[in-house]
PDB file of N, CA and C in Angstrom:
ATOM      1  N   LYS A   1     -15.500  12.246 -13.599  1.00  0.00           N
ATOM      2  CA  LYS A   1     -16.913  12.606 -13.691  1.00  0.00           C
ATOM      3  C   LYS A   1     -17.769  11.482 -13.252  1.00  0.00           C
ATOM      4  N   LYS A   2     -17.841  11.267 -12.020  1.00  0.00           N
ATOM      5  CA  LYS A   2     -18.871  10.301 -11.457  1.00  0.00           C
ATOM      6  C   LYS A   2     -18.379   8.903 -11.828  1.00  0.00           C
ATOM      7  N   ASN A   3     -17.205   8.643 -12.197  1.00  0.00           N
ATOM      8  CA  ASN A   3     -16.630   7.364 -12.590  1.00  0.00           C
ATOM      9  C   ASN A   3     -15.544   6.911 -11.643  1.00  0.00           C
ATOM     10  N   SER A   4     -15.886   6.794 -10.400  1.00  0.00           N
ATOM     11  CA  SER A   4     -14.899   6.403  -9.397  1.00  0.00           C
ATOM     12  C   SER A   4     -14.354   5.075  -9.630  1.00  0.00           C
ATOM     13  N   ASP A   5     -15.203   4.133 -10.071  1.00  0.00           N
ATOM     14  CA  ASP A   5     -14.747   2.717 -10.315  1.00  0.00           C
ATOM     15  C   ASP A   5     -13.639   2.698 -11.324  1.00  0.00           C
ATOM     16  N   ILE A   6     -13.647   3.402 -12.354  1.00  0.00           N
ATOM     17  CA  ILE A   6     -12.639   3.538 -13.366  1.00  0.00           C
ATOM     18  C   ILE A   6     -11.399   4.043 -12.706  1.00  0.00           C
ATOM     19  N   ALA A   7     -11.399   5.088 -11.925  1.00  0.00           N
ATOM     20  CA  ALA A   7     -10.273   5.687 -11.299  1.00  0.00           C
ATOM     21  C   ALA A   7      -9.597   4.543 -10.326  1.00  0.00           C
ATOM     22  N   ILE A   8     -10.373   3.880  -9.586  1.00  0.00           N
ATOM     23  CA  ILE A   8      -9.871   2.875  -8.706  1.00  0.00           C
ATOM     24  C   ILE A   8      -9.190   1.749  -9.434  1.00  0.00           C
ATOM     25  N   GLY A   9      -9.868   1.353 -10.589  1.00  0.00           N
ATOM     26  CA  GLY A   9      -9.359   0.289 -11.397  1.00  0.00           C
ATOM     27  C   GLY A   9      -7.911   0.699 -11.950  1.00  0.00           C
ATOM     28  N   ASN A  10      -7.901   2.020 -12.437  1.00  0.00           N
ATOM     29  CA  ASN A  10      -6.576   2.516 -12.893  1.00  0.00           C
ATOM     30  C   ASN A  10      -5.455   2.406 -11.860  1.00  0.00           C
ATOM     31  N   VAL A  11      -5.835   2.969 -10.607  1.00  0.00           N
ATOM     32  CA  VAL A  11      -4.778   2.773  -9.534  1.00  0.00           C
ATOM     33  C   VAL A  11      -4.330   1.440  -9.225  1.00  0.00           C
ATOM     34  N   VAL A  12      -5.323   0.552  -9.076  1.00  0.00           N
ATOM     35  CA  VAL A  12      -5.020  -0.884  -8.760  1.00  0.00           C
ATOM     36  C   VAL A  12      -4.241  -1.516  -9.972  1.00  0.00           C
ATOM     37  N   GLY A  13      -4.639  -1.297 -11.077  1.00  0.00           N
ATOM     38  CA  GLY A  13      -3.992  -1.828 -12.282  1.00  0.00           C
ATOM     39  C   GLY A  13      -2.585  -1.394 -12.356  1.00  0.00           C
ATOM     40  N   SER A  14      -2.461  -0.142 -12.141  1.00  0.00           N
ATOM     41  CA  SER A  14      -1.060   0.406 -12.232  1.00  0.00           C
ATOM     42  C   SER A  14      -0.103  -0.118 -11.248  1.00  0.00           C
ATOM     43  N   ASN A  15      -0.712  -0.273  -9.971  1.00  0.00           N
ATOM     44  CA  ASN A  15       0.108  -0.945  -8.983  1.00  0.00           C
ATOM     45  C   ASN A  15       0.467  -2.337  -9.234  1.00  0.00           C
ATOM     46  N   ILE A  16      -0.407  -3.076  -9.796  1.00  0.00           N
ATOM     47  CA  ILE A  16      -0.146  -4.481 -10.153  1.00  0.00           C
ATOM     48  C   ILE A  16       0.855  -4.504 -11.212  1.00  0.00           C
ATOM     49  N   PHE A  17       0.746  -3.646 -12.222  1.00  0.00           N
ATOM     50  CA  PHE A  17       1.667  -3.681 -13.350  1.00  0.00           C
ATOM     51  C   PHE A  17       3.061  -3.335 -12.866  1.00  0.00           C
ATOM     52  N   ASN A  18       3.158  -2.305 -11.862  1.00  0.00           N
ATOM     53  CA  ASN A  18       4.552  -1.974 -11.475  1.00  0.00           C
ATOM     54  C   ASN A  18       5.066  -2.956 -10.645  1.00  0.00           C
ATOM     55  N   ILE A  19       4.367  -3.657  -9.841  1.00  0.00           N
ATOM     56  CA  ILE A  19       4.859  -4.788  -8.991  1.00  0.00           C
ATOM     57  C   ILE A  19       5.385  -5.981  -9.819  1.00  0.00           C
ATOM     58  N   PHE A  20       4.527  -6.406 -10.696  1.00  0.00           N
ATOM     59  CA  PHE A  20       4.804  -7.616 -11.415  1.00  0.00           C
ATOM     60  C   PHE A  20       5.720  -7.472 -12.559  1.00  0.00           C
ATOM     61  N   TRP A  21       5.408  -6.466 -13.381  1.00  0.00           N
ATOM     62  CA  TRP A  21       6.113  -6.296 -14.718  1.00  0.00           C
ATOM     63  C   TRP A  21       7.561  -5.649 -14.401  1.00  0.00           C
ATOM     64  N   ILE A  22       7.510  -4.447 -13.765  1.00  0.00           N
ATOM     65  CA  ILE A  22       8.742  -3.704 -13.611  1.00  0.00           C
ATOM     66  C   ILE A  22       9.715  -4.559 -12.604  1.00  0.00           C
ATOM     67  N   LEU A  23       9.154  -4.888 -11.613  1.00  0.00           N
ATOM     68  CA  LEU A  23      10.043  -5.668 -10.595  1.00  0.00           C
ATOM     69  C   LEU A  23      10.519  -6.963 -11.301  1.00  0.00           C
ATOM     70  N   GLY A  24       9.650  -7.671 -12.103  1.00  0.00           N
ATOM     71  CA  GLY A  24      10.217  -8.918 -12.695  1.00  0.00           C
ATOM     72  C   GLY A  24      11.256  -8.600 -13.738  1.00  0.00           C
ATOM     73  N   VAL A  25      11.038  -7.580 -14.575  1.00  0.00           N
ATOM     74  CA  VAL A  25      12.038  -7.277 -15.655  1.00  0.00           C
ATOM     75  C   VAL A  25      13.317  -6.745 -15.005  1.00  0.00           C
ATOM     76  N   SER A  26      13.255  -5.929 -13.993  1.00  0.00           N
ATOM     77  CA  SER A  26      14.555  -5.527 -13.334  1.00  0.00           C
ATOM     78  C   SER A  26      15.298  -6.666 -12.675  1.00  0.00           C
ATOM     79  N   SER A  27      14.550  -7.550 -12.071  1.00  0.00           N
ATOM     80  CA  SER A  27      15.213  -8.711 -11.375  1.00  0.00           C
ATOM     81  C   SER A  27      15.725  -9.731 -12.434  1.00  0.00           C
ATOM     82  N   PHE A  28      15.080  -9.668 -13.594  1.00  0.00           N
ATOM     83  CA  PHE A  28      15.615 -10.574 -14.669  1.00  0.00           C
ATOM     84  C   PHE A  28      16.981  -9.951 -15.154  1.00  0.00           C
ATOM     85  N   ILE A  29      17.081  -8.760 -15.345  1.00  0.00           N
ATOM     86  CA  ILE A  29      18.352  -8.115 -15.776  1.00  0.00           C
ATOM     87  C   ILE A  29      19.384  -8.228 -14.742  1.00  0.00           C
ATOM     88  N   ARG A  30      19.095  -7.926 -13.518  1.00  0.00           N
ATOM     89  CA  ARG A  30      20.040  -8.068 -12.360  1.00  0.00           C
ATOM     90  C   ARG A  30      19.335  -8.510 -11.108  1.00  0.00           C
ATOM     91  N   PRO A  31      19.652  -9.754 -10.689  1.00  0.00           N
ATOM     92  CA  PRO A  31      18.994 -10.351  -9.447  1.00  0.00           C
ATOM     93  C   PRO A  31      18.953  -9.240  -8.275  1.00  0.00           C
ATOM     94  N   LEU A  32      17.895  -9.210  -7.521  1.00  0.00           N
ATOM     95  CA  LEU A  32      17.676  -8.354  -6.404  1.00  0.00           C
ATOM     96  C   LEU A  32      18.052  -8.918  -5.228  1.00  0.00           C
ATOM     97  N   ASP A  33      18.690  -8.277  -4.216  1.00  0.00           N
ATOM     98  CA  ASP A  33      19.025  -8.743  -2.933  1.00  0.00           C
ATOM     99  C   ASP A  33      17.844  -8.658  -2.045  1.00  0.00           C
ATOM    100  N   PHE A  34      17.647  -9.618  -1.196  1.00  0.00           N
ATOM    101  CA  PHE A  34      16.652  -9.659  -0.176  1.00  0.00           C
ATOM    102  C   PHE A  34      17.248  -9.459   1.209  1.00  0.00           C
ATOM    103  N   SER A  35      16.775  -8.555   1.915  1.00  0.00           N
ATOM    104  CA  SER A  35      17.223  -8.359   3.337  1.00  0.00           C
ATOM    105  C   SER A  35      16.156  -8.932   4.221  1.00  0.00           C
ATOM    106  N   PRO A  36      16.505  -9.638   5.349  1.00  0.00           N
ATOM    107  CA  PRO A  36      15.459  -9.996   6.391  1.00  0.00           C
ATOM    108  C   PRO A  36      14.685  -8.864   7.010  1.00  0.00           C
ATOM    109  N   LEU A  37      15.305  -7.666   6.818  1.00  0.00           N
ATOM    110  CA  LEU A  37      14.587  -6.464   7.435  1.00  0.00           C
ATOM    111  C   LEU A  37      13.297  -6.198   6.586  1.00  0.00           C
ATOM    112  N   MET A  38      13.267  -6.664   5.431  1.00  0.00           N
ATOM    113  CA  MET A  38      12.062  -6.433   4.501  1.00  0.00           C
ATOM    114  C   MET A  38      10.871  -7.263   5.036  1.00  0.00           C
ATOM    115  N   ASN A  39      11.123  -8.214   5.844  1.00  0.00           N
ATOM    116  CA  ASN A  39       9.907  -8.999   6.369  1.00  0.00           C
ATOM    117  C   ASN A  39       9.143  -8.093   7.130  1.00  0.00           C
ATOM    118  N   PHE A  40       9.580  -7.182   7.957  1.00  0.00           N
ATOM    119  CA  PHE A  40       8.666  -6.298   8.743  1.00  0.00           C
ATOM    120  C   PHE A  40       7.858  -5.420   7.795  1.00  0.00           C
ATOM    121  N   ASP A  41       8.481  -4.922   6.704  1.00  0.00           N
ATOM    122  CA  ASP A  41       7.786  -4.090   5.727  1.00  0.00           C
ATOM    123  C   ASP A  41       6.581  -4.930   5.132  1.00  0.00           C
ATOM    124  N   ILE A  42       6.809  -6.129   4.671  1.00  0.00           N
ATOM    125  CA  ILE A  42       5.790  -6.973   4.167  1.00  0.00           C
ATOM    126  C   ILE A  42       4.640  -7.154   5.226  1.00  0.00           C
ATOM    127  N   TYR A  43       4.937  -7.507   6.423  1.00  0.00           N
ATOM    128  CA  TYR A  43       3.989  -7.791   7.452  1.00  0.00           C
ATOM    129  C   TYR A  43       3.142  -6.499   7.779  1.00  0.00           C
ATOM    130  N   PHE A  44       3.903  -5.309   7.757  1.00  0.00           N
ATOM    131  CA  PHE A  44       3.328  -4.069   8.002  1.00  0.00           C
ATOM    132  C   PHE A  44       2.310  -3.719   6.914  1.00  0.00           C
ATOM    133  N   LEU A  45       2.678  -3.983   5.603  1.00  0.00           N
ATOM    134  CA  LEU A  45       1.815  -3.756   4.506  1.00  0.00           C
ATOM    135  C   LEU A  45       0.627  -4.577   4.571  1.00  0.00           C
ATOM    136  N   MET A  46       0.728  -5.897   4.887  1.00  0.00           N
ATOM    137  CA  MET A  46      -0.369  -6.745   5.005  1.00  0.00           C
ATOM    138  C   MET A  46      -1.424  -6.343   6.100  1.00  0.00           C
ATOM    139  N   ALA A  47      -0.804  -5.845   7.248  1.00  0.00           N
ATOM    140  CA  ALA A  47      -1.697  -5.408   8.413  1.00  0.00           C
ATOM    141  C   ALA A  47      -2.535  -4.096   7.975  1.00  0.00           C
ATOM    142  N   ILE A  48      -1.893  -3.201   7.329  1.00  0.00           N
ATOM    143  CA  ILE A  48      -2.473  -1.926   6.938  1.00  0.00           C
ATOM    144  C   ILE A  48      -3.520  -2.214   5.924  1.00  0.00           C
ATOM    145  N   THR A  49      -3.275  -3.221   5.014  1.00  0.00           N
ATOM    146  CA  THR A  49      -4.275  -3.664   3.974  1.00  0.00           C
ATOM    147  C   THR A  49      -5.537  -4.178   4.597  1.00  0.00           C
ATOM    148  N   VAL A  50      -5.303  -5.080   5.654  1.00  0.00           N
ATOM    149  CA  VAL A  50      -6.393  -5.630   6.343  1.00  0.00           C
ATOM    150  C   VAL A  50      -7.166  -4.509   7.036  1.00  0.00           C
ATOM    151  N   ILE A  51      -6.533  -3.563   7.719  1.00  0.00           N
ATOM    152  CA  ILE A  51      -7.250  -2.444   8.377  1.00  0.00           C
ATOM    153  C   ILE A  51      -7.967  -1.640   7.346  1.00  0.00           C
ATOM    154  N   LEU A  52      -7.451  -1.273   6.183  1.00  0.00           N
ATOM    155  CA  LEU A  52      -8.094  -0.550   5.167  1.00  0.00           C
ATOM    156  C   LEU A  52      -9.349  -1.250   4.691  1.00  0.00           C
ATOM    157  N   PHE A  53      -9.317  -2.577   4.412  1.00  0.00           N
ATOM    158  CA  PHE A  53     -10.481  -3.359   3.934  1.00  0.00           C
ATOM    159  C   PHE A  53     -11.588  -3.301   4.991  1.00  0.00           C
ATOM    160  N   SER A  54     -11.180  -3.390   6.320  1.00  0.00           N
ATOM    161  CA  SER A  54     -12.060  -3.366   7.356  1.00  0.00           C
ATOM    162  C   SER A  54     -12.782  -2.064   7.451  1.00  0.00           C
ATOM    163  N   PHE A  55     -12.091  -0.965   7.307  1.00  0.00           N
ATOM    164  CA  PHE A  55     -12.591   0.457   7.283  1.00  0.00           C
ATOM    165  C   PHE A  55     -13.607   0.631   6.151  1.00  0.00           C
ATOM    166  N   MET A  56     -13.236   0.054   4.962  1.00  0.00           N
ATOM    167  CA  MET A  56     -14.101   0.269   3.739  1.00  0.00           C
ATOM    168  C   MET A  56     -15.308  -0.446   3.852  1.00  0.00           C
ATOM    169  N   PHE A  57     -15.243  -1.783   4.379  1.00  0.00           N
ATOM    170  CA  PHE A  57     -16.447  -2.613   4.175  1.00  0.00           C
ATOM    171  C   PHE A  57     -17.217  -2.676   5.423  1.00  0.00           C
ATOM    172  N   ILE A  58     -16.785  -2.284   6.572  1.00  0.00           N
ATOM    173  CA  ILE A  58     -17.566  -2.402   7.801  1.00  0.00           C
ATOM    174  C   ILE A  58     -18.147  -1.028   8.164  1.00  0.00           C
ATOM    175  N   GLY A  59     -17.474   0.105   7.705  1.00  0.00           N
ATOM    176  CA  GLY A  59     -17.999   1.405   8.046  1.00  0.00           C
ATOM    177  C   GLY A  59     -19.328   1.750   7.357  1.00  0.00           C
ATOM    178  N   LYS A  60     -19.569   3.063   7.541  1.00  0.00           N
ATOM    179  CA  LYS A  60     -20.823   3.694   7.019  1.00  0.00           C
ATOM    180  C   LYS A  60     -20.769   3.819   5.482  1.00  0.00           C
ATOM    181  N   LYS A  61     -21.761   3.359   4.712  1.00  0.00           N
ATOM    182  CA  LYS A  61     -21.876   3.586   3.243  1.00  0.00           C
ATOM    183  C   LYS A  61     -20.660   3.054   2.471  1.00  0.00           C
ATOM    184  N   ASN A  62     -19.879   2.152   3.060  1.00  0.00           N
ATOM    185  CA  ASN A  62     -18.758   1.616   2.339  1.00  0.00           C
ATOM    186  C   ASN A  62     -17.656   2.696   1.824  1.00  0.00           C
ATOM    187  N   ILE A  63     -17.526   3.686   2.591  1.00  0.00           N
ATOM    188  CA  ILE A  63     -16.510   4.732   2.202  1.00  0.00           C
ATOM    189  C   ILE A  63     -15.542   4.973   3.287  1.00  0.00           C
ATOM    190  N   LEU A  64     -14.498   5.487   2.926  1.00  0.00           N
ATOM    191  CA  LEU A  64     -13.448   5.818   3.945  1.00  0.00           C
ATOM    192  C   LEU A  64     -13.698   7.185   4.445  1.00  0.00           C
ATOM    193  N   GLN A  65     -14.018   7.258   5.697  1.00  0.00           N
ATOM    194  CA  GLN A  65     -14.233   8.636   6.380  1.00  0.00           C
ATOM    195  C   GLN A  65     -13.063   9.441   6.540  1.00  0.00           C
ATOM    196  N   ARG A  66     -13.336  10.754   6.629  1.00  0.00           N
ATOM    197  CA  ARG A  66     -12.223  11.659   6.828  1.00  0.00           C
ATOM    198  C   ARG A  66     -11.285  11.352   8.055  1.00  0.00           C
ATOM    199  N   SER A  67     -11.893  10.989   9.170  1.00  0.00           N
ATOM    200  CA  SER A  67     -11.100  10.607  10.408  1.00  0.00           C
ATOM    201  C   SER A  67     -10.234   9.476  10.105  1.00  0.00           C
ATOM    202  N   GLN A  68     -10.750   8.500   9.322  1.00  0.00           N
ATOM    203  CA  GLN A  68     -10.043   7.272   9.044  1.00  0.00           C
ATOM    204  C   GLN A  68      -8.899   7.603   8.036  1.00  0.00           C
ATOM    205  N   GLY A  69      -9.135   8.523   7.146  1.00  0.00           N
ATOM    206  CA  GLY A  69      -8.060   8.918   6.171  1.00  0.00           C
ATOM    207  C   GLY A  69      -6.982   9.663   6.972  1.00  0.00           C
ATOM    208  N   PHE A  70      -7.372  10.411   7.984  1.00  0.00           N
ATOM    209  CA  PHE A  70      -6.428  11.109   8.845  1.00  0.00           C
ATOM    210  C   PHE A  70      -5.560  10.136   9.623  1.00  0.00           C
ATOM    211  N   ILE A  71      -6.271   9.081  10.054  1.00  0.00           N
ATOM    212  CA  ILE A  71      -5.387   7.990  10.832  1.00  0.00           C
ATOM    213  C   ILE A  71      -4.470   7.417   9.846  1.00  0.00           C
ATOM    214  N   PHE A  72      -4.824   7.142   8.629  1.00  0.00           N
ATOM    215  CA  PHE A  72      -3.839   6.456   7.677  1.00  0.00           C
ATOM    216  C   PHE A  72      -2.694   7.452   7.363  1.00  0.00           C
ATOM    217  N   LEU A  73      -2.987   8.727   7.227  1.00  0.00           N
ATOM    218  CA  LEU A  73      -1.952   9.711   7.069  1.00  0.00           C
ATOM    219  C   LEU A  73      -0.921   9.683   8.218  1.00  0.00           C
ATOM    220  N   LEU A  74      -1.449   9.688   9.398  1.00  0.00           N
ATOM    221  CA  LEU A  74      -0.556   9.518  10.593  1.00  0.00           C
ATOM    222  C   LEU A  74       0.257   8.270  10.639  1.00  0.00           C
ATOM    223  N   VAL A  75      -0.363   7.214  10.305  1.00  0.00           N
ATOM    224  CA  VAL A  75       0.358   5.879  10.225  1.00  0.00           C
ATOM    225  C   VAL A  75       1.410   5.974   9.179  1.00  0.00           C
ATOM    226  N   TYR A  76       1.207   6.562   7.990  1.00  0.00           N
ATOM    227  CA  TYR A  76       2.093   6.605   6.956  1.00  0.00           C
ATOM    228  C   TYR A  76       3.271   7.560   7.386  1.00  0.00           C
ATOM    229  N   ALA A  77       3.008   8.696   8.030  1.00  0.00           N
ATOM    230  CA  ALA A  77       4.082   9.546   8.508  1.00  0.00           C
ATOM    231  C   ALA A  77       4.945   8.825   9.566  1.00  0.00           C
ATOM    232  N   GLY A  78       4.346   8.022  10.408  1.00  0.00           N
ATOM    233  CA  GLY A  78       5.079   7.300  11.412  1.00  0.00           C
ATOM    234  C   GLY A  78       5.941   6.143  10.782  1.00  0.00           C
ATOM    235  N   TYR A  79       5.454   5.616   9.713  1.00  0.00           N
ATOM    236  CA  TYR A  79       6.100   4.485   9.027  1.00  0.00           C
ATOM    237  C   TYR A  79       7.336   5.119   8.211  1.00  0.00           C
ATOM    238  N   VAL A  80       7.142   6.320   7.559  1.00  0.00           N
ATOM    239  CA  VAL A  80       8.272   6.934   6.851  1.00  0.00           C
ATOM    240  C   VAL A  80       9.352   7.381   7.986  1.00  0.00           C
ATOM    241  N   ALA A  81       8.892   7.828   9.215  1.00  0.00           N
ATOM    242  CA  ALA A  81       9.815   8.222  10.180  1.00  0.00           C
ATOM    243  C   ALA A  81      10.630   7.048  10.608  1.00  0.00           C
ATOM    244  N   PHE A  82       9.925   5.796  10.791  1.00  0.00           N
ATOM    245  CA  PHE A  82      10.573   4.629  11.135  1.00  0.00           C
ATOM    246  C   PHE A  82      11.611   4.137  10.166  1.00  0.00           C
ATOM    247  N   LEU A  83      11.317   4.279   8.866  1.00  0.00           N
ATOM    248  CA  LEU A  83      12.291   3.917   7.797  1.00  0.00           C
ATOM    249  C   LEU A  83      13.533   4.760   7.763  1.00  0.00           C
ATOM    250  N   VAL A  84      13.311   6.052   8.132  1.00  0.00           N
ATOM    251  CA  VAL A  84      14.366   6.982   8.099  1.00  0.00           C
ATOM    252  C   VAL A  84      15.264   6.683   9.337  1.00  0.00           C
ATOM    253  N   ILE A  85      14.609   6.359  10.536  1.00  0.00           N
ATOM    254  CA  ILE A  85      15.542   6.053  11.618  1.00  0.00           C
ATOM    255  C   ILE A  85      16.129   4.701  11.494  1.00  0.00           C
ATOM    256  N   ARG A  86      15.504   3.736  10.943  1.00  0.00           N
ATOM    257  CA  ARG A  86      16.043   2.414  10.643  1.00  0.00           C
ATOM    258  C   ARG A  86      17.174   2.459   9.703  1.00  0.00           C
ATOM    259  N   GLY A  87      17.175   3.393   8.697  1.00  0.00           N
ATOM    260  CA  GLY A  87      18.315   3.600   7.808  1.00  0.00           C
ATOM    261  C   GLY A  87      18.210   2.776   6.662  1.00  0.00           C
TER     262      GLY A  87
END
């Protein structure tokens, strides 16, 4: 109800918790293997994050427009297809 800042805070906080707490605890119990193929995933994530921030803060009214959201959905579908093909 008109509290979008709280919703965004929840999403960001949940992601940070999942990355640092859950990943840290699971790697403490059993060390995780790292594959050099994951480097592409990290670089891709960083590039998409930079693009998202540029869309959010350079565009009109600091909102993500419908066309930009559609672009992100297409990029996500392409990335998932790439992961399936990569195996």
